[in-house]
Amino acid sequence: LRTASHNGPRDPEPTSDHSAMNKAIGLVLSASIASCCSHKEAQVPAEEAPNSAGPATVEAAGPPAIVYRTRVDVGDAVPITLSADGKEVVNYPHPKDLVQNGALSVPTVLGNGYLLDNRGVGLNTVFLKWSYAEYASLEQAPTLAELVDGIAFRDPFEEMYDCGLRLKYADPAKELAAIVASGAFPTRCKRLK
């Protein structure tokens, strides 16, 4: 490594010309640095601006519109949900859960044997021996053992369709009854069974 040594005359002290130039260079560098670090938001016309009401990719949540037909008439038997292997009760209502707005939440008849679920049935649903009215009159929910013993209809579904979120329908019963009447399930709803 070589170093320079000054054995000769010293460099002259900066003069006012050098000071002025140093100041000018300093100002130019400062302005350049400042312009690199700052940015201006792009102006987007209002009609092209994204909607700020909420993210467009998030869908509203809510219960699905499940339409089904059973192999046998389960009447207004109360549904419960079993585990995938059918050995454990994983979901069941409290008796007070069966009443909504002063009425029993029995399924809605759509026609041609199809029903619109109002309780949350799915592929692992079975039906109990108790009707909605009988179950709703109980002081407390049956024990898990009593629920298992009370299963009257295992594998009750002949067909089941997921017709999307209920909230997408202004009048779910009327609109889904029209789908049933038209036979448009394959194109309008996803077949689950």
N, C-alpha and C. Protein backbone atom coordinates (compact mmCIF):
# COMPACT_ATOMS: atom_id res chain seq x y z
N LEU A 1 0.85 -1.16 0.00
CA LEU A 1 0.00 0.00 0.00
C LEU A 1 0.90 1.22 0.00
N ARG A 2 0.62 2.06 -0.90
CA ARG A 2 1.44 3.28 -0.99
C ARG A 2 0.64 4.43 -0.46
N THR A 3 1.30 5.30 0.24
CA THR A 3 0.65 6.51 0.72
C THR A 3 1.40 7.69 0.18
N ALA A 4 0.70 8.74 0.02
CA ALA A 4 1.34 9.96 -0.46
C ALA A 4 1.81 10.75 0.73
N SER A 5 2.95 11.30 0.59
CA SER A 5 3.45 12.15 1.67
C SER A 5 3.72 13.51 1.10
N HIS A 6 3.50 14.44 1.90
CA HIS A 6 3.72 15.82 1.47
C HIS A 6 5.00 16.33 2.09
N ASN A 7 6.01 16.22 1.36
CA ASN A 7 7.27 16.76 1.84
C ASN A 7 7.51 18.13 1.23
N GLY A 8 6.74 18.41 0.23
CA GLY A 8 6.91 19.67 -0.46
C GLY A 8 5.99 20.71 0.12
N PRO A 9 5.74 21.73 -0.63
CA PRO A 9 4.89 22.82 -0.15
C PRO A 9 3.46 22.32 0.07
N ARG A 10 2.82 22.91 1.04
CA ARG A 10 1.43 22.55 1.36
C ARG A 10 0.49 23.08 0.32
N ASP A 11 -0.68 22.38 0.20
CA ASP A 11 -1.72 22.89 -0.68
C ASP A 11 -2.20 24.21 -0.12
N PRO A 12 -2.55 25.08 -1.00
CA PRO A 12 -3.00 26.38 -0.51
C PRO A 12 -4.34 26.24 0.22
N GLU A 13 -4.60 27.12 1.16
CA GLU A 13 -5.87 27.16 1.89
C GLU A 13 -6.97 27.47 0.89
N PRO A 14 -8.21 26.95 1.14
CA PRO A 14 -9.30 27.24 0.22
C PRO A 14 -9.55 28.74 0.18
N THR A 15 -9.82 29.19 -1.00
CA THR A 15 -10.11 30.61 -1.18
C THR A 15 -11.60 30.78 -1.24
N SER A 16 -12.04 31.98 -1.38
CA SER A 16 -13.47 32.25 -1.45
C SER A 16 -14.06 31.62 -2.70
N ASP A 17 -13.29 31.48 -3.79
CA ASP A 17 -13.80 30.81 -4.99
C ASP A 17 -14.08 29.34 -4.69
N HIS A 18 -13.17 28.72 -3.95
CA HIS A 18 -13.35 27.32 -3.57
C HIS A 18 -14.55 27.17 -2.64
N SER A 19 -14.71 28.06 -1.71
CA SER A 19 -15.82 28.01 -0.76
C SER A 19 -17.15 28.16 -1.48
N ALA A 20 -17.21 29.05 -2.42
CA ALA A 20 -18.45 29.26 -3.17
C ALA A 20 -18.78 28.01 -3.98
N MET A 21 -17.73 27.41 -4.57
CA MET A 21 -17.97 26.21 -5.36
C MET A 21 -18.41 25.06 -4.46
N ASN A 22 -17.79 24.91 -3.30
CA ASN A 22 -18.17 23.86 -2.36
C ASN A 22 -19.63 24.02 -1.92
N LYS A 23 -20.03 25.26 -1.68
CA LYS A 23 -21.42 25.52 -1.29
C LYS A 23 -22.37 25.15 -2.43
N ALA A 24 -22.00 25.50 -3.65
CA ALA A 24 -22.85 25.20 -4.80
C ALA A 24 -22.98 23.69 -4.98
N ILE A 25 -21.86 22.99 -4.87
CA ILE A 25 -21.90 21.53 -5.00
C ILE A 25 -22.74 20.92 -3.88
N GLY A 26 -22.60 21.43 -2.68
CA GLY A 26 -23.39 20.95 -1.54
C GLY A 26 -24.87 21.15 -1.77
N LEU A 27 -25.25 22.31 -2.31
CA LEU A 27 -26.66 22.59 -2.58
C LEU A 27 -27.21 21.66 -3.66
N VAL A 28 -26.43 21.45 -4.71
CA VAL A 28 -26.86 20.56 -5.79
C VAL A 28 -27.03 19.13 -5.26
N LEU A 29 -26.07 18.67 -4.46
CA LEU A 29 -26.17 17.33 -3.89
C LEU A 29 -27.38 17.21 -2.96
N SER A 30 -27.60 18.21 -2.14
CA SER A 30 -28.75 18.20 -1.23
C SER A 30 -30.06 18.15 -2.00
N ALA A 31 -30.15 18.95 -3.05
CA ALA A 31 -31.37 18.97 -3.86
C ALA A 31 -31.58 17.63 -4.54
N SER A 32 -30.50 17.02 -5.03
CA SER A 32 -30.60 15.71 -5.69
C SER A 32 -31.07 14.64 -4.72
N ILE A 33 -30.48 14.65 -3.54
CA ILE A 33 -30.86 13.66 -2.53
C ILE A 33 -32.32 13.86 -2.12
N ALA A 34 -32.72 15.09 -1.92
CA ALA A 34 -34.10 15.38 -1.52
C ALA A 34 -35.09 14.94 -2.60
N SER A 35 -34.74 15.15 -3.85
CA SER A 35 -35.67 14.77 -4.92
C SER A 35 -35.75 13.26 -5.07
N CYS A 36 -34.69 12.54 -4.74
CA CYS A 36 -34.72 11.08 -4.82
C CYS A 36 -35.57 10.48 -3.71
N CYS A 37 -35.58 11.10 -2.57
CA CYS A 37 -36.27 10.55 -1.41
C CYS A 37 -37.74 10.92 -1.35
N SER A 38 -38.14 11.92 -2.08
CA SER A 38 -39.55 12.31 -2.02
C SER A 38 -40.26 11.78 -3.26
N HIS A 39 -41.57 11.63 -3.15
CA HIS A 39 -42.34 11.18 -4.30
C HIS A 39 -43.70 11.85 -4.25
N LYS A 40 -44.31 11.90 -5.37
CA LYS A 40 -45.62 12.52 -5.48
C LYS A 40 -46.62 11.44 -5.84
N GLU A 41 -47.78 11.46 -5.17
CA GLU A 41 -48.83 10.50 -5.48
C GLU A 41 -49.35 10.76 -6.89
N ALA A 42 -49.57 9.70 -7.63
CA ALA A 42 -50.14 9.84 -8.96
C ALA A 42 -51.59 10.26 -8.83
N GLN A 43 -51.99 11.18 -9.64
CA GLN A 43 -53.37 11.64 -9.62
C GLN A 43 -54.21 10.71 -10.49
N VAL A 44 -55.26 10.12 -9.91
CA VAL A 44 -56.14 9.22 -10.63
C VAL A 44 -57.50 9.87 -10.72
N PRO A 45 -58.05 9.98 -11.91
CA PRO A 45 -59.38 10.55 -12.03
C PRO A 45 -60.37 9.78 -11.15
N ALA A 46 -61.36 10.47 -10.61
CA ALA A 46 -62.31 9.87 -9.69
C ALA A 46 -63.00 8.65 -10.28
N GLU A 47 -63.31 8.69 -11.57
CA GLU A 47 -64.01 7.55 -12.16
C GLU A 47 -63.12 6.33 -12.30
N GLU A 48 -61.77 6.52 -12.24
CA GLU A 48 -60.85 5.39 -12.34
C GLU A 48 -60.32 4.97 -10.98
N ALA A 49 -60.55 5.77 -9.94
CA ALA A 49 -60.03 5.47 -8.62
C ALA A 49 -60.74 4.25 -8.05
N PRO A 50 -59.99 3.41 -7.32
CA PRO A 50 -60.63 2.25 -6.72
C PRO A 50 -61.62 2.67 -5.65
N ASN A 51 -62.63 1.86 -5.44
CA ASN A 51 -63.64 2.14 -4.43
C ASN A 51 -63.01 2.00 -3.06
N SER A 52 -63.10 3.03 -2.25
CA SER A 52 -62.48 2.99 -0.94
C SER A 52 -63.41 2.46 0.12
N ALA A 53 -64.58 1.99 -0.26
CA ALA A 53 -65.54 1.48 0.72
C ALA A 53 -65.04 0.18 1.35
N GLY A 54 -64.15 -0.53 0.70
CA GLY A 54 -63.64 -1.77 1.26
C GLY A 54 -62.95 -2.56 0.17
N PRO A 55 -62.16 -3.56 0.56
CA PRO A 55 -61.46 -4.36 -0.44
C PRO A 55 -62.43 -5.15 -1.29
N ALA A 56 -62.16 -5.13 -2.59
CA ALA A 56 -63.06 -5.79 -3.53
C ALA A 56 -62.93 -7.31 -3.48
N THR A 57 -61.80 -7.81 -2.96
CA THR A 57 -61.58 -9.24 -2.98
C THR A 57 -62.22 -9.97 -1.80
N VAL A 58 -62.70 -9.25 -0.82
CA VAL A 58 -63.29 -9.88 0.35
C VAL A 58 -64.78 -10.07 0.11
N GLU A 59 -65.24 -11.29 0.22
CA GLU A 59 -66.66 -11.57 0.05
C GLU A 59 -67.34 -11.51 1.41
N ALA A 60 -68.60 -11.13 1.38
CA ALA A 60 -69.38 -11.10 2.61
C ALA A 60 -69.57 -12.52 3.11
N ALA A 61 -69.64 -12.64 4.41
CA ALA A 61 -69.84 -13.95 5.01
C ALA A 61 -71.29 -14.12 5.41
N GLY A 62 -71.69 -15.32 5.53
CA GLY A 62 -73.05 -15.62 5.96
C GLY A 62 -73.35 -17.07 5.70
N PRO A 63 -74.53 -17.50 6.11
CA PRO A 63 -74.88 -18.90 5.92
C PRO A 63 -75.15 -19.23 4.46
N PRO A 64 -74.80 -20.44 4.05
CA PRO A 64 -75.09 -20.85 2.68
C PRO A 64 -76.56 -21.20 2.51
N ALA A 65 -77.03 -21.12 1.30
CA ALA A 65 -78.38 -21.56 0.96
C ALA A 65 -78.28 -23.03 0.55
N ILE A 66 -78.61 -23.91 1.48
CA ILE A 66 -78.54 -25.35 1.22
C ILE A 66 -79.94 -25.86 0.91
N VAL A 67 -80.06 -26.49 -0.25
CA VAL A 67 -81.33 -27.07 -0.68
C VAL A 67 -81.11 -28.58 -0.74
N TYR A 68 -82.07 -29.32 -0.19
CA TYR A 68 -81.91 -30.77 -0.15
C TYR A 68 -83.23 -31.50 -0.33
N ARG A 69 -83.09 -32.79 -0.66
CA ARG A 69 -84.23 -33.70 -0.73
C ARG A 69 -83.80 -34.96 0.01
N THR A 70 -84.68 -35.49 0.85
CA THR A 70 -84.35 -36.67 1.65
C THR A 70 -84.93 -37.94 1.04
N ARG A 71 -84.33 -39.07 1.40
CA ARG A 71 -84.79 -40.39 0.92
C ARG A 71 -86.17 -40.73 1.50
N VAL A 72 -86.35 -40.37 2.76
CA VAL A 72 -87.62 -40.61 3.46
C VAL A 72 -88.09 -39.28 4.02
N ASP A 73 -89.35 -39.18 4.28
CA ASP A 73 -89.89 -37.95 4.85
C ASP A 73 -89.45 -37.85 6.30
N VAL A 74 -88.57 -36.90 6.58
CA VAL A 74 -88.10 -36.71 7.96
C VAL A 74 -89.00 -35.74 8.70
N GLY A 75 -90.05 -35.27 8.02
CA GLY A 75 -90.98 -34.34 8.65
C GLY A 75 -90.24 -33.12 9.15
N ASP A 76 -90.55 -32.74 10.37
CA ASP A 76 -89.84 -31.60 10.94
C ASP A 76 -88.89 -32.08 12.04
N ALA A 77 -88.24 -33.23 11.79
CA ALA A 77 -87.28 -33.78 12.74
C ALA A 77 -86.08 -32.83 12.86
N VAL A 78 -85.54 -32.75 14.07
CA VAL A 78 -84.42 -31.84 14.36
C VAL A 78 -83.12 -32.42 13.81
N PRO A 79 -82.34 -31.61 13.07
CA PRO A 79 -81.05 -32.07 12.56
C PRO A 79 -79.92 -31.83 13.56
N ILE A 80 -78.96 -32.75 13.58
CA ILE A 80 -77.70 -32.55 14.31
C ILE A 80 -76.59 -33.00 13.37
N THR A 81 -75.36 -32.61 13.68
CA THR A 81 -74.23 -32.95 12.82
C THR A 81 -73.29 -33.90 13.54
N LEU A 82 -72.91 -34.96 12.85
CA LEU A 82 -71.96 -35.93 13.37
C LEU A 82 -70.58 -35.68 12.77
N SER A 83 -69.56 -36.27 13.39
CA SER A 83 -68.21 -36.23 12.83
C SER A 83 -68.21 -36.97 11.50
N ALA A 84 -67.15 -36.80 10.72
CA ALA A 84 -67.07 -37.43 9.40
C ALA A 84 -67.20 -38.95 9.49
N ASP A 85 -66.70 -39.55 10.57
CA ASP A 85 -66.82 -41.00 10.72
C ASP A 85 -68.16 -41.42 11.32
N GLY A 86 -69.01 -40.45 11.67
CA GLY A 86 -70.35 -40.74 12.17
C GLY A 86 -70.41 -41.23 13.61
N LYS A 87 -69.30 -41.11 14.34
CA LYS A 87 -69.25 -41.66 15.70
C LYS A 87 -69.50 -40.63 16.80
N GLU A 88 -69.31 -39.35 16.49
CA GLU A 88 -69.45 -38.33 17.53
C GLU A 88 -70.38 -37.22 17.08
N VAL A 89 -71.13 -36.67 18.03
CA VAL A 89 -71.95 -35.50 17.77
C VAL A 89 -71.03 -34.28 17.83
N VAL A 90 -71.00 -33.50 16.76
CA VAL A 90 -70.13 -32.32 16.74
C VAL A 90 -70.91 -31.01 16.76
N ASN A 91 -72.21 -31.07 16.44
CA ASN A 91 -73.01 -29.86 16.45
C ASN A 91 -74.47 -30.22 16.68
N TYR A 92 -75.08 -29.52 17.63
CA TYR A 92 -76.50 -29.74 17.91
C TYR A 92 -77.06 -28.46 18.52
N PRO A 93 -78.34 -28.23 18.37
CA PRO A 93 -78.92 -26.99 18.88
C PRO A 93 -79.34 -27.09 20.34
N HIS A 94 -79.35 -25.95 20.99
CA HIS A 94 -80.01 -25.84 22.28
C HIS A 94 -81.50 -25.72 21.95
N PRO A 95 -82.39 -26.19 22.79
CA PRO A 95 -83.82 -26.08 22.46
C PRO A 95 -84.27 -24.65 22.11
N LYS A 96 -83.70 -23.65 22.74
CA LYS A 96 -84.09 -22.26 22.46
C LYS A 96 -83.59 -21.79 21.10
N ASP A 97 -82.59 -22.48 20.53
CA ASP A 97 -82.06 -22.11 19.22
C ASP A 97 -83.03 -22.41 18.08
N LEU A 98 -84.02 -23.25 18.34
CA LEU A 98 -84.94 -23.65 17.27
C LEU A 98 -86.03 -22.62 17.00
N VAL A 99 -86.10 -21.60 17.84
CA VAL A 99 -87.11 -20.55 17.66
C VAL A 99 -86.41 -19.28 17.20
N GLN A 100 -86.83 -18.77 16.04
CA GLN A 100 -86.29 -17.52 15.51
C GLN A 100 -87.46 -16.61 15.18
N ASN A 101 -87.41 -15.40 15.69
CA ASN A 101 -88.48 -14.42 15.47
C ASN A 101 -89.85 -14.99 15.86
N GLY A 102 -89.88 -15.75 16.95
CA GLY A 102 -91.14 -16.28 17.46
C GLY A 102 -91.67 -17.50 16.73
N ALA A 103 -90.94 -18.03 15.76
CA ALA A 103 -91.41 -19.20 15.01
C ALA A 103 -90.33 -20.27 14.99
N LEU A 104 -90.74 -21.52 14.84
CA LEU A 104 -89.79 -22.61 14.73
C LEU A 104 -89.04 -22.50 13.41
N SER A 105 -87.74 -22.78 13.43
CA SER A 105 -86.91 -22.63 12.23
C SER A 105 -86.89 -23.90 11.38
N VAL A 106 -88.06 -24.44 11.13
CA VAL A 106 -88.19 -25.65 10.30
C VAL A 106 -87.75 -25.32 8.87
N PRO A 107 -87.37 -26.33 8.09
CA PRO A 107 -86.98 -26.06 6.70
C PRO A 107 -88.16 -25.52 5.90
N THR A 108 -87.83 -24.74 4.87
CA THR A 108 -88.85 -24.15 4.00
C THR A 108 -89.10 -25.08 2.82
N VAL A 109 -90.35 -25.41 2.58
CA VAL A 109 -90.73 -26.27 1.46
C VAL A 109 -90.61 -25.47 0.17
N LEU A 110 -89.84 -26.01 -0.81
CA LEU A 110 -89.63 -25.34 -2.09
C LEU A 110 -90.42 -25.97 -3.23
N GLY A 111 -90.90 -27.18 -3.03
CA GLY A 111 -91.61 -27.89 -4.09
C GLY A 111 -90.81 -29.07 -4.60
N ASN A 112 -91.49 -30.02 -5.22
CA ASN A 112 -90.86 -31.23 -5.79
C ASN A 112 -90.04 -32.01 -4.76
N GLY A 113 -90.41 -31.91 -3.49
CA GLY A 113 -89.70 -32.64 -2.44
C GLY A 113 -88.46 -31.94 -1.92
N TYR A 114 -88.13 -30.77 -2.43
CA TYR A 114 -86.94 -30.04 -2.00
C TYR A 114 -87.26 -29.11 -0.84
N LEU A 115 -86.28 -28.99 0.05
CA LEU A 115 -86.40 -28.14 1.23
C LEU A 115 -85.22 -27.17 1.29
N LEU A 116 -85.47 -25.98 1.79
CA LEU A 116 -84.42 -24.99 2.04
C LEU A 116 -84.08 -25.07 3.52
N ASP A 117 -82.83 -25.34 3.81
CA ASP A 117 -82.37 -25.48 5.19
C ASP A 117 -82.42 -24.14 5.93
N ASN A 118 -82.85 -24.18 7.17
CA ASN A 118 -82.85 -23.00 8.04
C ASN A 118 -82.08 -23.26 9.33
N ARG A 119 -81.36 -24.38 9.42
CA ARG A 119 -80.66 -24.75 10.65
C ARG A 119 -79.17 -25.00 10.46
N GLY A 120 -78.69 -25.25 9.28
CA GLY A 120 -77.27 -25.54 9.08
C GLY A 120 -76.98 -27.00 8.79
N VAL A 121 -77.78 -27.64 7.95
CA VAL A 121 -77.52 -29.04 7.60
C VAL A 121 -76.33 -29.13 6.65
N GLY A 122 -75.71 -30.29 6.65
CA GLY A 122 -74.58 -30.56 5.77
C GLY A 122 -74.52 -32.06 5.50
N LEU A 123 -73.46 -32.48 4.86
CA LEU A 123 -73.34 -33.88 4.47
C LEU A 123 -73.29 -34.83 5.66
N ASN A 124 -72.87 -34.36 6.83
CA ASN A 124 -72.78 -35.21 8.01
C ASN A 124 -73.97 -35.04 8.95
N THR A 125 -75.06 -34.49 8.43
CA THR A 125 -76.26 -34.27 9.24
C THR A 125 -77.10 -35.53 9.32
N VAL A 126 -77.64 -35.76 10.50
CA VAL A 126 -78.63 -36.82 10.74
C VAL A 126 -79.83 -36.15 11.40
N PHE A 127 -80.94 -36.86 11.45
CA PHE A 127 -82.15 -36.28 12.06
C PHE A 127 -82.57 -37.09 13.28
N LEU A 128 -83.04 -36.36 14.28
CA LEU A 128 -83.45 -36.96 15.54
C LEU A 128 -84.90 -37.41 15.51
N LYS A 129 -85.29 -38.15 16.52
CA LYS A 129 -86.68 -38.61 16.66
C LYS A 129 -87.60 -37.48 17.13
N TRP A 130 -87.04 -36.41 17.65
CA TRP A 130 -87.84 -35.31 18.16
C TRP A 130 -88.21 -34.32 17.06
N SER A 131 -89.44 -33.85 17.08
CA SER A 131 -89.85 -32.78 16.16
C SER A 131 -89.31 -31.45 16.70
N TYR A 132 -89.37 -30.42 15.89
CA TYR A 132 -88.94 -29.10 16.34
C TYR A 132 -89.72 -28.67 17.57
N ALA A 133 -91.03 -28.86 17.56
CA ALA A 133 -91.87 -28.43 18.69
C ALA A 133 -91.51 -29.20 19.96
N GLU A 134 -91.31 -30.51 19.84
CA GLU A 134 -90.95 -31.32 21.01
C GLU A 134 -89.59 -30.89 21.57
N TYR A 135 -88.62 -30.73 20.69
CA TYR A 135 -87.27 -30.39 21.12
C TYR A 135 -87.23 -28.98 21.71
N ALA A 136 -87.93 -28.04 21.09
CA ALA A 136 -87.94 -26.65 21.57
C ALA A 136 -88.59 -26.54 22.94
N SER A 137 -89.45 -27.48 23.30
CA SER A 137 -90.11 -27.42 24.60
C SER A 137 -89.25 -27.98 25.73
N LEU A 138 -88.12 -28.60 25.40
CA LEU A 138 -87.23 -29.13 26.44
C LEU A 138 -86.59 -27.98 27.22
N GLU A 139 -86.37 -28.20 28.51
CA GLU A 139 -85.72 -27.19 29.35
C GLU A 139 -84.24 -27.05 29.01
N GLN A 140 -83.61 -28.16 28.69
CA GLN A 140 -82.20 -28.15 28.33
C GLN A 140 -81.97 -29.16 27.21
N ALA A 141 -80.82 -29.02 26.56
CA ALA A 141 -80.50 -29.94 25.47
C ALA A 141 -80.25 -31.34 26.02
N PRO A 142 -80.59 -32.36 25.26
CA PRO A 142 -80.28 -33.73 25.68
C PRO A 142 -78.77 -33.91 25.80
N THR A 143 -78.36 -34.91 26.56
CA THR A 143 -76.93 -35.22 26.67
C THR A 143 -76.46 -35.77 25.33
N LEU A 144 -75.16 -35.85 25.15
CA LEU A 144 -74.61 -36.41 23.91
C LEU A 144 -75.07 -37.85 23.72
N ALA A 145 -75.10 -38.62 24.80
CA ALA A 145 -75.56 -40.01 24.70
C ALA A 145 -77.03 -40.07 24.30
N GLU A 146 -77.84 -39.17 24.86
CA GLU A 146 -79.26 -39.13 24.49
C GLU A 146 -79.45 -38.72 23.03
N LEU A 147 -78.61 -37.80 22.56
CA LEU A 147 -78.68 -37.40 21.15
C LEU A 147 -78.37 -38.57 20.24
N VAL A 148 -77.29 -39.30 20.54
CA VAL A 148 -76.93 -40.46 19.72
C VAL A 148 -78.05 -41.49 19.74
N ASP A 149 -78.60 -41.75 20.92
CA ASP A 149 -79.71 -42.71 21.03
C ASP A 149 -80.96 -42.20 20.32
N GLY A 150 -81.08 -40.88 20.18
CA GLY A 150 -82.26 -40.28 19.56
C GLY A 150 -82.19 -40.13 18.05
N ILE A 151 -81.11 -40.62 17.43
CA ILE A 151 -81.00 -40.52 15.97
C ILE A 151 -82.01 -41.46 15.32
N ALA A 152 -82.88 -40.88 14.51
CA ALA A 152 -83.92 -41.67 13.83
C ALA A 152 -83.60 -41.88 12.36
N PHE A 153 -82.86 -40.95 11.75
CA PHE A 153 -82.59 -41.02 10.31
C PHE A 153 -81.10 -40.77 10.03
N ARG A 154 -80.37 -41.86 9.77
CA ARG A 154 -78.97 -41.74 9.35
C ARG A 154 -78.95 -41.77 7.82
N ASP A 155 -78.00 -41.07 7.23
CA ASP A 155 -77.87 -40.99 5.77
C ASP A 155 -79.21 -40.67 5.11
N PRO A 156 -79.81 -39.54 5.48
CA PRO A 156 -81.16 -39.24 5.00
C PRO A 156 -81.24 -38.57 3.64
N PHE A 157 -80.11 -38.08 3.12
CA PHE A 157 -80.18 -37.22 1.93
C PHE A 157 -80.10 -37.99 0.62
N GLU A 158 -81.01 -37.65 -0.26
CA GLU A 158 -80.97 -38.16 -1.62
C GLU A 158 -80.15 -37.20 -2.48
N GLU A 159 -80.39 -35.90 -2.29
CA GLU A 159 -79.66 -34.85 -3.01
C GLU A 159 -79.42 -33.69 -2.06
N MET A 160 -78.33 -32.96 -2.32
CA MET A 160 -78.05 -31.74 -1.56
C MET A 160 -77.28 -30.79 -2.46
N TYR A 161 -77.67 -29.51 -2.44
CA TYR A 161 -77.05 -28.48 -3.27
C TYR A 161 -76.68 -27.27 -2.43
N ASP A 162 -75.53 -26.69 -2.75
CA ASP A 162 -75.12 -25.41 -2.16
C ASP A 162 -75.40 -24.35 -3.21
N CYS A 163 -76.35 -23.48 -2.92
CA CYS A 163 -76.75 -22.45 -3.89
C CYS A 163 -76.15 -21.08 -3.56
N GLY A 164 -74.99 -21.07 -2.94
CA GLY A 164 -74.32 -19.81 -2.62
C GLY A 164 -74.81 -19.24 -1.30
N LEU A 165 -74.39 -18.02 -1.02
CA LEU A 165 -74.78 -17.38 0.23
C LEU A 165 -76.25 -16.97 0.21
N ARG A 166 -76.92 -17.17 1.32
CA ARG A 166 -78.33 -16.79 1.42
C ARG A 166 -78.53 -15.30 1.18
N LEU A 167 -77.56 -14.50 1.62
CA LEU A 167 -77.73 -13.05 1.52
C LEU A 167 -77.69 -12.53 0.09
N LYS A 168 -77.30 -13.36 -0.86
CA LYS A 168 -77.32 -12.91 -2.26
C LYS A 168 -78.73 -12.95 -2.85
N TYR A 169 -79.66 -13.55 -2.13
CA TYR A 169 -81.05 -13.63 -2.58
C TYR A 169 -81.89 -12.61 -1.82
N ALA A 170 -82.67 -11.83 -2.54
CA ALA A 170 -83.59 -10.89 -1.88
C ALA A 170 -84.67 -11.66 -1.13
N ASP A 171 -85.17 -12.72 -1.73
CA ASP A 171 -86.18 -13.59 -1.12
C ASP A 171 -85.75 -15.03 -1.38
N PRO A 172 -84.91 -15.60 -0.49
CA PRO A 172 -84.35 -16.93 -0.76
C PRO A 172 -85.40 -18.00 -1.08
N ALA A 173 -86.48 -18.05 -0.32
CA ALA A 173 -87.48 -19.10 -0.55
C ALA A 173 -88.10 -18.97 -1.93
N LYS A 174 -88.47 -17.77 -2.31
CA LYS A 174 -89.13 -17.56 -3.61
C LYS A 174 -88.16 -17.83 -4.77
N GLU A 175 -86.95 -17.30 -4.67
CA GLU A 175 -85.97 -17.45 -5.76
C GLU A 175 -85.50 -18.90 -5.90
N LEU A 176 -85.28 -19.57 -4.77
CA LEU A 176 -84.85 -20.96 -4.84
C LEU A 176 -85.98 -21.89 -5.28
N ALA A 177 -87.21 -21.55 -4.93
CA ALA A 177 -88.36 -22.33 -5.42
C ALA A 177 -88.44 -22.22 -6.95
N ALA A 178 -88.09 -21.06 -7.49
CA ALA A 178 -88.08 -20.88 -8.95
C ALA A 178 -86.99 -21.74 -9.59
N ILE A 179 -85.84 -21.84 -8.93
CA ILE A 179 -84.76 -22.70 -9.44
C ILE A 179 -85.21 -24.16 -9.42
N VAL A 180 -85.88 -24.56 -8.33
CA VAL A 180 -86.40 -25.93 -8.23
C VAL A 180 -87.39 -26.19 -9.36
N ALA A 181 -88.31 -25.27 -9.57
CA ALA A 181 -89.34 -25.44 -10.60
C ALA A 181 -88.74 -25.52 -12.00
N SER A 182 -87.65 -24.78 -12.23
CA SER A 182 -87.04 -24.77 -13.56
C SER A 182 -86.09 -25.95 -13.79
N GLY A 183 -85.72 -26.64 -12.71
CA GLY A 183 -84.78 -27.75 -12.83
C GLY A 183 -83.36 -27.29 -13.11
N ALA A 184 -83.03 -26.05 -12.72
CA ALA A 184 -81.74 -25.46 -13.06
C ALA A 184 -80.64 -25.71 -12.03
N PHE A 185 -80.80 -26.69 -11.14
CA PHE A 185 -79.77 -26.93 -10.14
C PHE A 185 -78.38 -27.15 -10.72
N PRO A 186 -78.22 -27.97 -11.77
CA PRO A 186 -76.86 -28.21 -12.27
C PRO A 186 -76.12 -26.95 -12.71
N THR A 187 -76.84 -25.95 -13.18
CA THR A 187 -76.17 -24.73 -13.66
C THR A 187 -76.17 -23.61 -12.62
N ARG A 188 -77.03 -23.67 -11.65
CA ARG A 188 -77.16 -22.58 -10.68
C ARG A 188 -76.59 -22.89 -9.31
N CYS A 189 -76.47 -24.16 -8.96
CA CYS A 189 -76.04 -24.56 -7.62
C CYS A 189 -75.01 -25.68 -7.71
N LYS A 190 -74.16 -25.76 -6.70
CA LYS A 190 -73.14 -26.80 -6.66
C LYS A 190 -73.72 -28.04 -5.97
N ARG A 191 -73.67 -29.16 -6.66
CA ARG A 191 -74.20 -30.40 -6.08
C ARG A 191 -73.21 -30.95 -5.05
N LEU A 192 -73.70 -31.17 -3.84
CA LEU A 192 -72.88 -31.75 -2.78
C LEU A 192 -73.10 -33.25 -2.66
N LYS A 193 -74.31 -33.69 -2.99
CA LYS A 193 -74.64 -35.12 -2.95
C LYS A 193 -75.72 -35.41 -3.98
